[in-house]
All heavy atoms as atom14 arrays in JSON, in Angstrom:
{
  "sequence": "SATGINGFAFLGALGAMLVVFGLAHGDGSW",
  "atom14_mask": [
    [1, 1, 1, 1, 1, 1, 0, 0, 0, 0, 0, 0, 0, 0],
    [1, 1, 1, 1, 1, 0, 0, 0, 0, 0, 0, 0, 0, 0],
    [1, 1, 1, 1, 1, 1, 1, 0, 0, 0, 0, 0, 0, 0],
    [1, 1, 1, 1, 0, 0, 0, 0, 0, 0, 0, 0, 0, 0],
    [1, 1, 1, 1, 1, 1, 1, 1, 0, 0, 0, 0, 0, 0],
    [1, 1, 1, 1, 1, 1, 1, 1, 0, 0, 0, 0, 0, 0],
    [1, 1, 1, 1, 0, 0, 0, 0, 0, 0, 0, 0, 0, 0],
    [1, 1, 1, 1, 1, 1, 1, 1, 1, 1, 1, 0, 0, 0],
    [1, 1, 1, 1, 1, 0, 0, 0, 0, 0, 0, 0, 0, 0],
    [1, 1, 1, 1, 1, 1, 1, 1, 1, 1, 1, 0, 0, 0],
    [1, 1, 1, 1, 1, 1, 1, 1, 0, 0, 0, 0, 0, 0],
    [1, 1, 1, 1, 0, 0, 0, 0, 0, 0, 0, 0, 0, 0],
    [1, 1, 1, 1, 1, 0, 0, 0, 0, 0, 0, 0, 0, 0],
    [1, 1, 1, 1, 1, 1, 1, 1, 0, 0, 0, 0, 0, 0],
    [1, 1, 1, 1, 0, 0, 0, 0, 0, 0, 0, 0, 0, 0],
    [1, 1, 1, 1, 1, 0, 0, 0, 0, 0, 0, 0, 0, 0],
    [1, 1, 1, 1, 1, 1, 1, 1, 0, 0, 0, 0, 0, 0],
    [1, 1, 1, 1, 1, 1, 1, 1, 0, 0, 0, 0, 0, 0],
    [1, 1, 1, 1, 1, 1, 1, 0, 0, 0, 0, 0, 0, 0],
    [1, 1, 1, 1, 1, 1, 1, 0, 0, 0, 0, 0, 0, 0],
    [1, 1, 1, 1, 1, 1, 1, 1, 1, 1, 1, 0, 0, 0],
    [1, 1, 1, 1, 0, 0, 0, 0, 0, 0, 0, 0, 0, 0],
    [1, 1, 1, 1, 1, 1, 1, 1, 0, 0, 0, 0, 0, 0],
    [1, 1, 1, 1, 1, 0, 0, 0, 0, 0, 0, 0, 0, 0],
    [1, 1, 1, 1, 1, 1, 1, 1, 1, 1, 0, 0, 0, 0],
    [1, 1, 1, 1, 0, 0, 0, 0, 0, 0, 0, 0, 0, 0],
    [1, 1, 1, 1, 1, 1, 1, 1, 0, 0, 0, 0, 0, 0],
    [1, 1, 1, 1, 0, 0, 0, 0, 0, 0, 0, 0, 0, 0],
    [1, 1, 1, 1, 1, 1, 0, 0, 0, 0, 0, 0, 0, 0],
    [1, 1, 1, 1, 1, 1, 1, 1, 1, 1, 1, 1, 1, 1]
  ],
  "atom14_positions": [
    [[19.56, 64.97, -12.74], [20.33, 64.09, -13.57], [20.73, 62.79, -12.83], [20.58, 62.67, -11.51], [21.53, 64.67, -14.24], [22.43, 65.13, -13.2], [0.0, 0.0, 0.0], [0.0, 0.0, 0.0], [0.0, 0.0, 0.0], [0.0, 0.0, 0.0], [0.0, 0.0, 0.0], [0.0, 0.0, 0.0], [0.0, 0.0, 0.0], [0.0, 0.0, 0.0]],
    [[21.4, 61.92, -13.61], [21.93, 60.7, -12.96], [22.94, 61.0, -11.91], [23.02, 60.45, -10.81], [22.57, 59.74, -13.97], [0.0, 0.0, 0.0], [0.0, 0.0, 0.0], [0.0, 0.0, 0.0], [0.0, 0.0, 0.0], [0.0, 0.0, 0.0], [0.0, 0.0, 0.0], [0.0, 0.0, 0.0], [0.0, 0.0, 0.0], [0.0, 0.0, 0.0]],
    [[23.81, 62.01, -12.11], [24.72, 62.5, -11.11], [24.01, 62.96, -9.89], [24.4, 62.61, -8.77], [25.63, 63.55, -11.7], [26.21, 63.2, -12.9], [26.72, 63.99, -10.74], [0.0, 0.0, 0.0], [0.0, 0.0, 0.0], [0.0, 0.0, 0.0], [0.0, 0.0, 0.0], [0.0, 0.0, 0.0], [0.0, 0.0, 0.0], [0.0, 0.0, 0.0]],
    [[22.91, 63.63, -10.04], [22.15, 64.15, -8.84], [21.57, 63.09, -8.09], [21.55, 63.16, -6.91], [0.0, 0.0, 0.0], [0.0, 0.0, 0.0], [0.0, 0.0, 0.0], [0.0, 0.0, 0.0], [0.0, 0.0, 0.0], [0.0, 0.0, 0.0], [0.0, 0.0, 0.0], [0.0, 0.0, 0.0], [0.0, 0.0, 0.0], [0.0, 0.0, 0.0]],
    [[21.12, 62.08, -8.9], [20.46, 60.93, -8.18], [21.43, 60.27, -7.3], [21.16, 59.89, -6.13], [19.71, 60.04, -9.3], [18.62, 60.77, -9.9], [19.31, 58.73, -8.51], [18.04, 59.98, -11.08], [0.0, 0.0, 0.0], [0.0, 0.0, 0.0], [0.0, 0.0, 0.0], [0.0, 0.0, 0.0], [0.0, 0.0, 0.0], [0.0, 0.0, 0.0]],
    [[22.62, 59.94, -7.86], [23.62, 59.32, -7.12], [24.19, 60.0, -6.0], [24.33, 59.49, -4.95], [24.88, 59.04, -8.13], [24.59, 57.99, -9.21], [23.7, 57.18, -9.0], [25.37, 57.92, -10.12], [0.0, 0.0, 0.0], [0.0, 0.0, 0.0], [0.0, 0.0, 0.0], [0.0, 0.0, 0.0], [0.0, 0.0, 0.0], [0.0, 0.0, 0.0]],
    [[24.33, 61.35, -6.09], [24.7, 62.16, -4.97], [23.59, 62.19, -3.9], [23.98, 62.12, -2.73], [0.0, 0.0, 0.0], [0.0, 0.0, 0.0], [0.0, 0.0, 0.0], [0.0, 0.0, 0.0], [0.0, 0.0, 0.0], [0.0, 0.0, 0.0], [0.0, 0.0, 0.0], [0.0, 0.0, 0.0], [0.0, 0.0, 0.0], [0.0, 0.0, 0.0]],
    [[22.33, 62.31, -4.19], [21.3, 62.31, -3.19], [21.24, 60.95, -2.53], [20.97, 60.89, -1.36], [19.93, 62.64, -3.84], [19.59, 64.21, -3.79], [20.51, 65.08, -4.33], [18.42, 64.66, -3.22], [20.17, 66.48, -4.34], [18.14, 65.9, -3.16], [18.99, 66.74, -3.71], [0.0, 0.0, 0.0], [0.0, 0.0, 0.0], [0.0, 0.0, 0.0]],
    [[21.32, 59.86, -3.3], [21.4, 58.57, -2.75], [22.44, 58.26, -1.74], [22.21, 57.82, -0.68], [21.49, 57.46, -3.86], [0.0, 0.0, 0.0], [0.0, 0.0, 0.0], [0.0, 0.0, 0.0], [0.0, 0.0, 0.0], [0.0, 0.0, 0.0], [0.0, 0.0, 0.0], [0.0, 0.0, 0.0], [0.0, 0.0, 0.0], [0.0, 0.0, 0.0]],
    [[23.63, 58.79, -2.01], [24.81, 58.74, -1.13], [24.58, 59.48, 0.12], [24.87, 59.03, 1.2], [26.09, 59.11, -1.83], [27.34, 58.57, -1.09], [27.62, 57.22, -1.19], [28.09, 59.36, -0.45], [28.74, 56.8, -0.47], [29.22, 58.88, 0.3], [29.47, 57.63, 0.26], [0.0, 0.0, 0.0], [0.0, 0.0, 0.0], [0.0, 0.0, 0.0]],
    [[24.15, 60.68, -0.02], [23.83, 61.61, 1.14], [22.63, 60.86, 2.02], [22.79, 61.01, 3.14], [23.39, 63.0, 0.71], [24.51, 63.88, 0.0], [23.95, 65.19, -0.59], [25.58, 64.14, 1.15], [0.0, 0.0, 0.0], [0.0, 0.0, 0.0], [0.0, 0.0, 0.0], [0.0, 0.0, 0.0], [0.0, 0.0, 0.0], [0.0, 0.0, 0.0]],
    [[21.75, 60.32, 1.36], [20.55, 59.72, 2.13], [21.2, 58.49, 2.92], [20.85, 58.23, 4.08], [0.0, 0.0, 0.0], [0.0, 0.0, 0.0], [0.0, 0.0, 0.0], [0.0, 0.0, 0.0], [0.0, 0.0, 0.0], [0.0, 0.0, 0.0], [0.0, 0.0, 0.0], [0.0, 0.0, 0.0], [0.0, 0.0, 0.0], [0.0, 0.0, 0.0]],
    [[22.21, 57.69, 2.3], [22.73, 56.63, 2.98], [23.49, 57.08, 4.05], [23.51, 56.37, 5.24], [23.49, 55.79, 2.02], [0.0, 0.0, 0.0], [0.0, 0.0, 0.0], [0.0, 0.0, 0.0], [0.0, 0.0, 0.0], [0.0, 0.0, 0.0], [0.0, 0.0, 0.0], [0.0, 0.0, 0.0], [0.0, 0.0, 0.0], [0.0, 0.0, 0.0]],
    [[24.39, 58.14, 4.02], [25.21, 58.62, 5.0], [24.3, 59.19, 6.2], [24.71, 58.99, 7.3], [26.14, 59.71, 4.51], [27.31, 59.29, 3.6], [28.02, 60.43, 3.23], [28.15, 58.22, 4.33], [0.0, 0.0, 0.0], [0.0, 0.0, 0.0], [0.0, 0.0, 0.0], [0.0, 0.0, 0.0], [0.0, 0.0, 0.0], [0.0, 0.0, 0.0]],
    [[23.25, 59.78, 5.83], [22.35, 60.41, 6.8], [21.75, 59.27, 7.71], [21.69, 59.25, 8.82], [0.0, 0.0, 0.0], [0.0, 0.0, 0.0], [0.0, 0.0, 0.0], [0.0, 0.0, 0.0], [0.0, 0.0, 0.0], [0.0, 0.0, 0.0], [0.0, 0.0, 0.0], [0.0, 0.0, 0.0], [0.0, 0.0, 0.0], [0.0, 0.0, 0.0]],
    [[21.34, 58.19, 6.96], [20.69, 57.02, 7.62], [21.74, 56.3, 8.63], [21.49, 56.05, 9.8], [20.1, 56.03, 6.73], [0.0, 0.0, 0.0], [0.0, 0.0, 0.0], [0.0, 0.0, 0.0], [0.0, 0.0, 0.0], [0.0, 0.0, 0.0], [0.0, 0.0, 0.0], [0.0, 0.0, 0.0], [0.0, 0.0, 0.0], [0.0, 0.0, 0.0]],
    [[22.99, 56.21, 8.05], [24.12, 55.68, 8.82], [24.42, 56.45, 10.13], [24.51, 55.92, 11.23], [25.3, 55.6, 8.02], [26.56, 54.95, 8.71], [28.08, 55.2, 7.89], [28.5, 56.95, 8.14], [0.0, 0.0, 0.0], [0.0, 0.0, 0.0], [0.0, 0.0, 0.0], [0.0, 0.0, 0.0], [0.0, 0.0, 0.0], [0.0, 0.0, 0.0]],
    [[24.31, 57.72, 10.1], [24.6, 58.73, 11.25], [23.49, 58.64, 12.22], [23.68, 58.66, 13.4], [24.92, 60.2, 10.67], [26.16, 60.37, 9.9], [26.12, 61.75, 9.37], [27.36, 60.03, 10.7], [0.0, 0.0, 0.0], [0.0, 0.0, 0.0], [0.0, 0.0, 0.0], [0.0, 0.0, 0.0], [0.0, 0.0, 0.0], [0.0, 0.0, 0.0]],
    [[22.26, 58.53, 11.65], [21.07, 58.49, 12.49], [21.08, 57.26, 13.36], [20.99, 57.15, 14.55], [19.82, 58.56, 11.72], [18.57, 58.15, 12.61], [19.58, 60.06, 11.2], [0.0, 0.0, 0.0], [0.0, 0.0, 0.0], [0.0, 0.0, 0.0], [0.0, 0.0, 0.0], [0.0, 0.0, 0.0], [0.0, 0.0, 0.0], [0.0, 0.0, 0.0]],
    [[21.4, 56.0, 12.71], [21.43, 54.71, 13.31], [22.55, 54.73, 14.27], [22.28, 54.33, 15.47], [21.55, 53.63, 12.19], [21.96, 52.3, 12.98], [20.24, 53.53, 11.4], [0.0, 0.0, 0.0], [0.0, 0.0, 0.0], [0.0, 0.0, 0.0], [0.0, 0.0, 0.0], [0.0, 0.0, 0.0], [0.0, 0.0, 0.0], [0.0, 0.0, 0.0]],
    [[23.6, 55.12, 14.02], [24.8, 55.06, 14.96], [24.63, 56.06, 16.15], [24.82, 55.73, 17.23], [26.12, 55.42, 14.25], [27.34, 55.13, 15.06], [27.73, 53.92, 15.35], [28.0, 56.27, 15.54], [28.84, 53.62, 16.24], [29.15, 56.0, 16.43], [29.48, 54.71, 16.7], [0.0, 0.0, 0.0], [0.0, 0.0, 0.0], [0.0, 0.0, 0.0]],
    [[24.04, 57.29, 15.84], [23.77, 58.14, 16.79], [22.81, 57.67, 17.9], [22.93, 57.83, 19.08], [0.0, 0.0, 0.0], [0.0, 0.0, 0.0], [0.0, 0.0, 0.0], [0.0, 0.0, 0.0], [0.0, 0.0, 0.0], [0.0, 0.0, 0.0], [0.0, 0.0, 0.0], [0.0, 0.0, 0.0], [0.0, 0.0, 0.0], [0.0, 0.0, 0.0]],
    [[21.64, 57.14, 17.32], [20.6, 56.66, 18.2], [21.0, 55.4, 19.03], [20.77, 55.27, 20.08], [19.39, 56.33, 17.46], [18.67, 57.5, 16.8], [17.46, 57.08, 15.98], [18.24, 58.54, 17.94], [0.0, 0.0, 0.0], [0.0, 0.0, 0.0], [0.0, 0.0, 0.0], [0.0, 0.0, 0.0], [0.0, 0.0, 0.0], [0.0, 0.0, 0.0]],
    [[21.78, 54.54, 18.22], [22.27, 53.37, 18.91], [23.27, 53.58, 20.0], [23.44, 52.91, 21.05], [22.84, 52.23, 17.94], [0.0, 0.0, 0.0], [0.0, 0.0, 0.0], [0.0, 0.0, 0.0], [0.0, 0.0, 0.0], [0.0, 0.0, 0.0], [0.0, 0.0, 0.0], [0.0, 0.0, 0.0], [0.0, 0.0, 0.0], [0.0, 0.0, 0.0]],
    [[24.07, 54.58, 19.79], [25.2, 55.0, 20.77], [24.48, 55.62, 21.92], [25.02, 55.27, 23.15], [26.2, 55.96, 20.12], [27.45, 56.07, 20.82], [27.7, 57.16, 21.63], [28.53, 55.31, 20.99], [28.84, 57.08, 22.25], [29.45, 55.97, 21.83], [0.0, 0.0, 0.0], [0.0, 0.0, 0.0], [0.0, 0.0, 0.0], [0.0, 0.0, 0.0]],
    [[23.5, 56.37, 21.76], [22.77, 56.99, 22.87], [23.63, 57.69, 23.95], [24.36, 58.69, 23.7], [0.0, 0.0, 0.0], [0.0, 0.0, 0.0], [0.0, 0.0, 0.0], [0.0, 0.0, 0.0], [0.0, 0.0, 0.0], [0.0, 0.0, 0.0], [0.0, 0.0, 0.0], [0.0, 0.0, 0.0], [0.0, 0.0, 0.0], [0.0, 0.0, 0.0]],
    [[23.51, 57.14, 25.13], [24.16, 57.79, 26.35], [25.63, 57.17, 26.37], [26.36, 57.32, 27.44], [23.46, 57.41, 27.6], [23.23, 55.9, 27.78], [23.71, 55.07, 26.94], [22.61, 55.58, 28.83], [0.0, 0.0, 0.0], [0.0, 0.0, 0.0], [0.0, 0.0, 0.0], [0.0, 0.0, 0.0], [0.0, 0.0, 0.0], [0.0, 0.0, 0.0]],
    [[26.13, 56.51, 25.4], [27.53, 56.02, 25.42], [27.54, 54.49, 25.45], [28.62, 53.92, 25.07], [0.0, 0.0, 0.0], [0.0, 0.0, 0.0], [0.0, 0.0, 0.0], [0.0, 0.0, 0.0], [0.0, 0.0, 0.0], [0.0, 0.0, 0.0], [0.0, 0.0, 0.0], [0.0, 0.0, 0.0], [0.0, 0.0, 0.0], [0.0, 0.0, 0.0]],
    [[26.55, 53.87, 25.82], [26.4, 52.37, 25.75], [26.19, 52.0, 24.28], [25.6, 52.72, 23.45], [25.3, 51.83, 26.61], [24.08, 52.41, 26.25], [0.0, 0.0, 0.0], [0.0, 0.0, 0.0], [0.0, 0.0, 0.0], [0.0, 0.0, 0.0], [0.0, 0.0, 0.0], [0.0, 0.0, 0.0], [0.0, 0.0, 0.0], [0.0, 0.0, 0.0]],
    [[26.65, 50.77, 24.1], [26.6, 50.24, 22.54], [26.52, 48.71, 22.63], [27.54, 48.14, 23.01], [27.73, 50.83, 21.87], [27.59, 50.73, 20.32], [27.23, 51.68, 19.48], [27.95, 49.57, 19.55], [27.19, 51.23, 18.21], [27.67, 49.94, 18.22], [28.46, 48.32, 19.77], [27.91, 49.04, 17.26], [28.64, 47.42, 18.73], [28.38, 47.8, 17.44]]
  ]
}
């Protein structure tokens, strides 16, 4: 449903945010 689409979209955005920040942070340099 629309609620499920919104929920999955938000989870996908949060997942991408964590991946980007985690990879960019790497060994601690940023």
